[in-house]
Amino acid sequence: MFHFQTLEARLGSLNRLLERFMPLITIGGVVTGLFFHRVFAPLKSFVNPLFAFITFSSALAISPKRFFGALTKIKPIVLFLLWANLVMPLLAFALASLFFTEANLVTGFVLLTSIPTAMAGYIWSGIYHGDEPLSLVLILISTLLGPILTPLTVKLLAQKAVVIDTRAMIMSLLVMIVLPSLAGILINHAVGDERTKKVTPSLKPFAKIALFAIVTINISRIAPTLIERATLAYVPIALLAAFLAFLGYPASHTLGKIARLSLEENKSLTFAASMRNISASMVLAINYFPPITALPIIFGIVFQQSICAIMASVLYGPKRKEAALETG
């Protein structure tokens, strides 16, 4: 006889195993895509559905009541929007323009920092006892504004060098992020928070596997070009991507302290402002820009989770409560 409890227990064990190697999942996807690009490149039509599944499964945990309750916290919301949507893209553009002359490469750094925040920020906030409803609000606001702000930011900063299909980019973000998010929230509201909490843990390992598949497929599509052009010139690109991934944590944490946010609010601000839905930027880079544009994003994928783990421990201590680590 089939027992759902047994299946749930096994999925929970698989999820805990994947959590241990979470920073390696994205790196493994990059390596697999590079070496087995002929196998995975033909699967490009699966990317958007896989991404929509990750977003949907994460959004199931968001109830409208928690969302509206945190909307009154104006100060952290404004700080988040200013840092994530104004300061970071401008800083990335300035630094990339200073060190690189290739316009499409500069565009890659702008795209890396102008994409909406990642669902992983909510999970990290939970692990470190942050303000989880506030994290949900920041993620949803960022996601809803993404189809407007991301194309607008890239177009304003790269308008002389790149022709952007803004409408197509907006549609991609709607399909990958906004619509699945709204569907998850509406189902949460219709079914009830308690029932969705019983379902979402079983979806977490599949979301991590889907992330691995997305990274692998996207990398495989540009692997021949990357391998052919691989030189030591990639090193400064990697270093700048790592620096930008690192910078958000001390900067946003300091902003929160200056604004006198509570420690819980500050943790939520720090994770949301520092992490990006890099898989979404990879999809956009692959579909609408030359292959070189994806280079900063690839290195962002490599560094984001590991730098988050290090900086979270440095800023808030090594002790964490048990929670599943998901990504965006």
Protein backbone atom coordinates (compact mmCIF):
# COMPACT_ATOMS: atom_id res chain seq x y z
CA MET A 1 0.00 0.00 0.00
CA PHE A 2 1.24 3.47 -0.90
CA HIS A 3 1.84 5.87 2.00
CA PHE A 4 2.13 9.62 1.42
CA GLN A 5 3.95 9.98 4.74
CA THR A 6 6.75 7.74 3.46
CA LEU A 7 7.03 9.77 0.25
CA GLU A 8 7.08 13.03 2.20
CA ALA A 9 9.81 11.70 4.49
CA ARG A 10 11.95 10.65 1.54
CA LEU A 11 11.46 13.99 -0.20
CA GLY A 12 12.42 15.71 3.04
CA SER A 13 15.60 13.66 3.25
CA LEU A 14 16.42 14.46 -0.38
CA ASN A 15 15.84 18.17 0.26
CA ARG A 16 18.16 18.17 3.29
CA LEU A 17 20.83 16.43 1.21
CA LEU A 18 20.49 19.04 -1.55
CA GLU A 19 20.63 21.83 1.05
CA ARG A 20 24.08 20.72 2.14
CA PHE A 21 25.36 21.16 -1.39
CA MET A 22 23.26 24.19 -2.32
CA PRO A 23 26.20 26.41 -3.38
CA LEU A 24 27.49 23.54 -5.52
CA ILE A 25 24.20 22.99 -7.36
CA THR A 26 24.55 26.11 -9.49
CA ILE A 27 28.28 25.57 -9.99
CA GLY A 28 27.55 21.98 -11.01
CA GLY A 29 25.02 23.25 -13.53
CA VAL A 30 27.65 25.52 -15.09
CA VAL A 31 30.19 22.69 -15.36
CA THR A 32 27.63 20.22 -16.74
CA GLY A 33 26.40 22.70 -19.32
CA LEU A 34 29.93 23.41 -20.50
CA PHE A 35 31.00 19.80 -20.91
CA PHE A 36 27.71 18.29 -22.11
CA HIS A 37 26.31 21.17 -24.13
CA ARG A 38 25.35 18.96 -27.08
CA VAL A 39 23.03 16.97 -24.82
CA PHE A 40 21.31 19.83 -23.04
CA ALA A 41 21.21 22.66 -25.62
CA PRO A 42 18.19 21.16 -27.48
CA LEU A 43 16.15 21.33 -24.25
CA LYS A 44 15.88 25.15 -24.26
CA SER A 45 12.06 25.06 -24.52
CA PHE A 46 11.92 23.62 -20.99
CA VAL A 47 13.61 26.62 -19.35
CA ASN A 48 10.62 28.92 -18.94
CA PRO A 49 8.28 26.19 -17.58
CA LEU A 50 10.98 25.06 -15.12
CA PHE A 51 11.54 28.61 -13.98
CA ALA A 52 7.81 29.20 -13.59
CA PHE A 53 7.61 26.07 -11.42
CA ILE A 54 10.35 27.35 -9.08
CA THR A 55 8.61 30.71 -8.71
CA PHE A 56 5.20 29.14 -8.20
CA SER A 57 6.38 26.62 -5.60
CA SER A 58 8.05 29.42 -3.63
CA ALA A 59 5.05 31.76 -3.87
CA LEU A 60 2.75 29.13 -2.36
CA ALA A 61 4.21 30.11 1.03
CA ILE A 62 3.03 33.72 0.65
CA SER A 63 -0.36 34.50 2.15
CA PRO A 64 -2.12 37.79 1.33
CA LYS A 65 -2.58 38.51 5.04
CA ARG A 66 1.16 38.37 5.78
CA PHE A 67 1.89 40.40 2.67
CA PHE A 68 -0.48 43.27 3.49
CA GLY A 69 0.58 43.26 7.14
CA ALA A 70 4.18 44.02 6.18
CA LEU A 71 3.29 46.70 3.62
CA THR A 72 3.17 49.31 6.38
CA LYS A 73 6.95 49.03 6.93
CA ILE A 74 7.79 51.86 4.58
CA LYS A 75 11.37 52.53 5.67
CA PRO A 76 12.92 49.15 4.78
CA ILE A 77 10.88 49.01 1.58
CA VAL A 78 12.20 52.39 0.41
CA LEU A 79 15.78 51.50 1.38
CA PHE A 80 15.49 48.24 -0.54
CA LEU A 81 14.13 49.89 -3.69
CA LEU A 82 16.80 52.61 -3.65
CA TRP A 83 19.70 50.20 -3.16
CA ALA A 84 18.55 47.32 -5.34
CA ASN A 85 17.03 49.26 -8.23
CA LEU A 86 19.11 52.45 -8.33
CA VAL A 87 22.44 52.27 -6.50
CA MET A 88 23.52 48.74 -7.47
CA PRO A 89 22.80 49.00 -11.23
CA LEU A 90 24.50 52.41 -11.39
CA LEU A 91 27.48 51.13 -9.42
CA ALA A 92 27.73 48.03 -11.61
CA PHE A 93 27.56 50.17 -14.74
CA ALA A 94 30.21 52.58 -13.45
CA LEU A 95 32.66 49.87 -12.37
CA ALA A 96 32.14 47.75 -15.49
CA SER A 97 32.60 50.80 -17.73
CA LEU A 98 35.79 51.65 -15.85
CA PHE A 99 37.38 48.23 -16.31
CA PHE A 100 35.90 47.00 -19.62
CA THR A 101 35.44 48.52 -23.06
CA GLU A 102 33.09 45.87 -24.47
CA ALA A 103 29.58 47.39 -24.34
CA ASN A 104 27.75 44.07 -24.23
CA LEU A 105 29.90 42.95 -21.30
CA VAL A 106 28.99 46.12 -19.41
CA THR A 107 25.35 45.39 -20.20
CA GLY A 108 25.79 41.96 -18.60
CA PHE A 109 26.82 43.53 -15.29
CA VAL A 110 23.85 45.91 -15.45
CA LEU A 111 21.49 43.03 -16.16
CA LEU A 112 23.04 41.04 -13.31
CA THR A 113 22.22 43.78 -10.79
CA SER A 114 18.89 45.06 -12.17
CA ILE A 115 16.97 41.77 -12.09
CA PRO A 116 14.44 41.28 -9.23
CA THR A 117 15.56 39.89 -5.89
CA ALA A 118 15.69 36.12 -5.38
CA MET A 119 13.27 33.93 -3.46
CA ALA A 120 16.37 32.64 -1.68
CA GLY A 121 16.44 35.90 0.27
CA TYR A 122 13.21 34.87 2.00
CA ILE A 123 14.65 31.50 2.97
CA TRP A 124 17.92 32.96 4.25
CA SER A 125 15.88 35.49 6.25
CA GLY A 126 14.02 32.60 7.87
CA ILE A 127 17.23 30.74 8.64
CA TYR A 128 18.65 33.77 10.44
CA HIS A 129 15.41 34.79 12.21
CA GLY A 130 14.67 37.81 10.06
CA ASP A 131 11.30 39.44 9.44
CA GLU A 132 9.86 36.84 7.07
CA PRO A 133 6.66 38.73 6.14
CA LEU A 134 8.80 41.75 5.24
CA SER A 135 11.00 39.50 3.10
CA LEU A 136 7.91 38.31 1.25
CA VAL A 137 6.81 41.89 0.63
CA LEU A 138 10.22 42.90 -0.72
CA ILE A 139 10.30 39.89 -3.04
CA LEU A 140 6.81 40.46 -4.40
CA ILE A 141 7.31 44.21 -4.89
CA SER A 142 10.59 43.54 -6.67
CA THR A 143 8.99 40.83 -8.80
CA LEU A 144 5.99 42.97 -9.78
CA LEU A 145 8.22 45.93 -10.66
CA GLY A 146 10.74 43.73 -12.49
CA PRO A 147 9.03 43.69 -15.91
CA ILE A 148 9.14 47.49 -15.91
CA LEU A 149 12.35 48.36 -14.06
CA THR A 150 14.69 45.70 -15.49
CA PRO A 151 14.17 46.53 -19.19
CA LEU A 152 14.07 50.26 -18.40
CA THR A 153 17.33 50.15 -16.40
CA VAL A 154 19.17 48.16 -19.06
CA LYS A 155 17.85 50.38 -21.83
CA LEU A 156 18.77 53.63 -20.08
CA LEU A 157 22.30 52.51 -19.23
CA ALA A 158 23.03 50.67 -22.49
CA GLN A 159 20.88 52.54 -24.99
CA LYS A 160 23.76 53.56 -27.25
CA ALA A 161 25.12 50.05 -27.65
CA VAL A 162 22.25 47.58 -27.50
CA VAL A 163 18.89 47.30 -29.21
CA ILE A 164 16.52 45.80 -26.66
CA ASP A 165 13.24 44.04 -27.37
CA THR A 166 11.61 45.56 -24.29
CA ARG A 167 8.20 44.03 -24.94
CA ALA A 168 9.66 40.53 -25.24
CA MET A 169 11.68 41.00 -22.03
CA ILE A 170 8.56 42.12 -20.18
CA MET A 171 6.64 39.10 -21.42
CA SER A 172 9.46 36.78 -20.31
CA LEU A 173 9.48 38.24 -16.80
CA LEU A 174 5.70 37.99 -16.63
CA VAL A 175 5.75 34.30 -17.61
CA MET A 176 8.73 33.34 -15.44
CA ILE A 177 8.05 35.42 -12.32
CA VAL A 178 4.93 37.56 -12.03
CA LEU A 179 2.16 35.20 -13.16
CA PRO A 180 3.48 32.14 -11.25
CA SER A 181 3.92 34.32 -8.15
CA LEU A 182 0.37 35.64 -8.31
CA ALA A 183 -0.96 32.12 -8.96
CA GLY A 184 0.85 30.79 -5.88
CA ILE A 185 -0.46 33.61 -3.65
CA LEU A 186 -4.03 33.18 -4.92
CA ILE A 187 -3.95 29.43 -4.33
CA ASN A 188 -2.54 30.06 -0.85
CA HIS A 189 -5.49 32.37 -0.20
CA ALA A 190 -8.06 29.98 -1.65
CA VAL A 191 -6.78 26.78 -0.05
CA GLY A 192 -5.43 28.20 3.20
CA ASP A 193 -1.98 28.75 4.64
CA GLU A 194 -2.06 25.58 6.73
CA ARG A 195 -2.76 23.31 3.77
CA THR A 196 -0.14 24.92 1.53
CA LYS A 197 2.44 24.49 4.30
CA LYS A 198 1.89 20.74 4.04
CA VAL A 199 2.55 20.79 0.29
CA THR A 200 5.46 23.21 -0.13
CA PRO A 201 8.11 21.12 1.73
CA SER A 202 7.62 18.29 -0.79
CA LEU A 203 8.15 20.70 -3.70
CA LYS A 204 11.48 22.04 -2.43
CA PRO A 205 13.78 19.28 -3.74
CA PHE A 206 12.13 19.49 -7.17
CA ALA A 207 12.72 23.25 -7.21
CA LYS A 208 16.42 22.69 -6.56
CA ILE A 209 16.61 20.06 -9.30
CA ALA A 210 14.81 22.46 -11.64
CA LEU A 211 17.36 25.15 -10.82
CA PHE A 212 20.19 22.78 -11.74
CA ALA A 213 18.44 21.97 -15.03
CA ILE A 214 17.88 25.66 -15.86
CA VAL A 215 21.51 26.58 -15.28
CA THR A 216 22.72 23.54 -17.24
CA ILE A 217 20.48 24.19 -20.26
CA ASN A 218 21.25 27.91 -20.41
CA ILE A 219 25.00 27.40 -20.13
CA SER A 220 24.90 24.67 -22.78
CA ARG A 221 23.37 27.13 -25.27
CA ILE A 222 26.41 29.41 -25.15
CA ALA A 223 29.05 26.84 -24.18
CA PRO A 224 30.74 26.57 -27.61
CA THR A 225 31.28 30.33 -27.76
CA LEU A 226 32.49 30.52 -24.16
CA ILE A 227 34.94 27.64 -24.56
CA GLU A 228 36.25 29.00 -27.85
CA ARG A 229 36.89 32.46 -26.36
CA ALA A 230 38.09 31.33 -22.92
CA THR A 231 41.15 33.34 -21.90
CA LEU A 232 42.67 34.93 -18.83
CA ALA A 233 40.48 37.92 -19.68
CA TYR A 234 37.70 36.07 -17.85
CA VAL A 235 39.51 36.57 -14.52
CA PRO A 236 38.69 40.31 -14.07
CA ILE A 237 35.09 39.59 -15.08
CA ALA A 238 34.86 36.95 -12.36
CA LEU A 239 36.49 39.24 -9.79
CA LEU A 240 34.06 42.10 -10.46
CA ALA A 241 31.07 39.73 -10.34
CA ALA A 242 32.29 38.40 -6.98
CA PHE A 243 32.87 41.93 -5.65
CA LEU A 244 29.35 43.03 -6.61
CA ALA A 245 27.90 39.89 -5.00
CA PHE A 246 29.84 40.66 -1.80
CA LEU A 247 29.21 44.42 -1.65
CA GLY A 248 25.47 44.25 -1.08
CA TYR A 249 25.74 42.62 2.34
CA PRO A 250 27.86 45.12 4.31
CA ALA A 251 26.35 48.07 2.43
CA SER A 252 22.67 47.22 2.92
CA HIS A 253 23.32 46.06 6.49
CA THR A 254 24.94 49.42 7.28
CA LEU A 255 22.06 51.31 5.65
CA GLY A 256 19.63 49.42 7.85
CA LYS A 257 21.59 50.29 10.98
CA ILE A 258 21.74 53.98 9.99
CA ALA A 259 17.97 53.93 9.43
CA ARG A 260 17.55 52.28 12.87
CA LEU A 261 15.67 49.27 11.59
CA SER A 262 15.08 46.44 13.99
CA LEU A 263 17.55 43.57 13.73
CA GLU A 264 14.90 41.36 12.15
CA GLU A 265 13.99 44.00 9.56
CA ASN A 266 17.66 44.63 8.84
CA LYS A 267 18.31 40.96 8.15
CA SER A 268 15.42 40.84 5.68
CA LEU A 269 16.65 44.01 3.98
CA THR A 270 20.20 42.68 3.74
CA PHE A 271 19.29 39.37 2.10
CA ALA A 272 16.73 40.88 -0.26
CA ALA A 273 19.01 43.73 -1.36
CA SER A 274 22.05 41.50 -1.85
CA MET A 275 20.62 38.53 -3.75
CA ARG A 276 19.37 38.46 -7.32
CA ASN A 277 17.20 36.09 -9.31
CA ILE A 278 20.23 35.28 -11.45
CA SER A 279 18.55 32.43 -13.31
CA ALA A 280 16.05 34.95 -14.68
CA SER A 281 18.85 37.26 -15.82
CA MET A 282 20.52 34.29 -17.47
CA VAL A 283 17.34 33.56 -19.44
CA LEU A 284 17.14 37.20 -20.56
CA ALA A 285 20.83 37.35 -21.44
CA ILE A 286 20.62 34.17 -23.52
CA ASN A 287 17.48 35.21 -25.38
CA TYR A 288 18.07 38.90 -26.07
CA PHE A 289 21.81 39.60 -26.04
CA PRO A 290 25.08 38.31 -27.52
CA PRO A 291 26.80 35.43 -25.64
CA ILE A 292 29.40 37.69 -24.00
CA THR A 293 26.60 39.45 -22.09
CA ALA A 294 26.03 36.26 -20.10
CA LEU A 295 29.59 36.09 -18.73
CA PRO A 296 29.03 38.30 -15.63
CA ILE A 297 25.82 36.40 -14.95
CA ILE A 298 27.57 33.03 -15.15
CA PHE A 299 30.11 34.14 -12.57
CA GLY A 300 27.26 35.60 -10.52
CA ILE A 301 25.68 32.14 -10.48
CA VAL A 302 28.96 30.63 -9.32
CA PHE A 303 29.48 33.10 -6.45
CA GLN A 304 26.05 34.12 -5.14
CA GLN A 305 25.16 31.24 -2.81
CA SER A 306 28.64 30.74 -1.37
CA ILE A 307 29.15 34.46 -0.71
CA CYS A 308 25.70 34.63 0.90
CA ALA A 309 26.57 31.76 3.26
CA ILE A 310 29.86 33.42 4.25
CA MET A 311 28.47 36.93 4.73
CA ALA A 312 25.40 35.71 6.64
CA SER A 313 27.69 33.96 9.10
CA VAL A 314 29.99 37.00 9.38
CA LEU A 315 27.16 39.49 9.95
CA TYR A 316 24.72 37.42 12.00
CA GLY A 317 26.68 34.50 13.47
CA PRO A 318 27.05 30.84 12.50
CA LYS A 319 24.03 29.55 14.41
CA ARG A 320 20.96 29.15 12.26
CA LYS A 321 17.59 27.62 12.77
CA GLU A 322 16.63 24.71 10.55
CA ALA A 323 15.02 25.76 7.29
CA ALA A 324 15.09 24.72 3.70
CA LEU A 325 17.33 26.73 1.43
CA GLU A 326 15.78 27.51 -1.90
CA THR A 327 17.09 29.85 -4.72
CA GLY A 328 15.99 32.27 -7.64
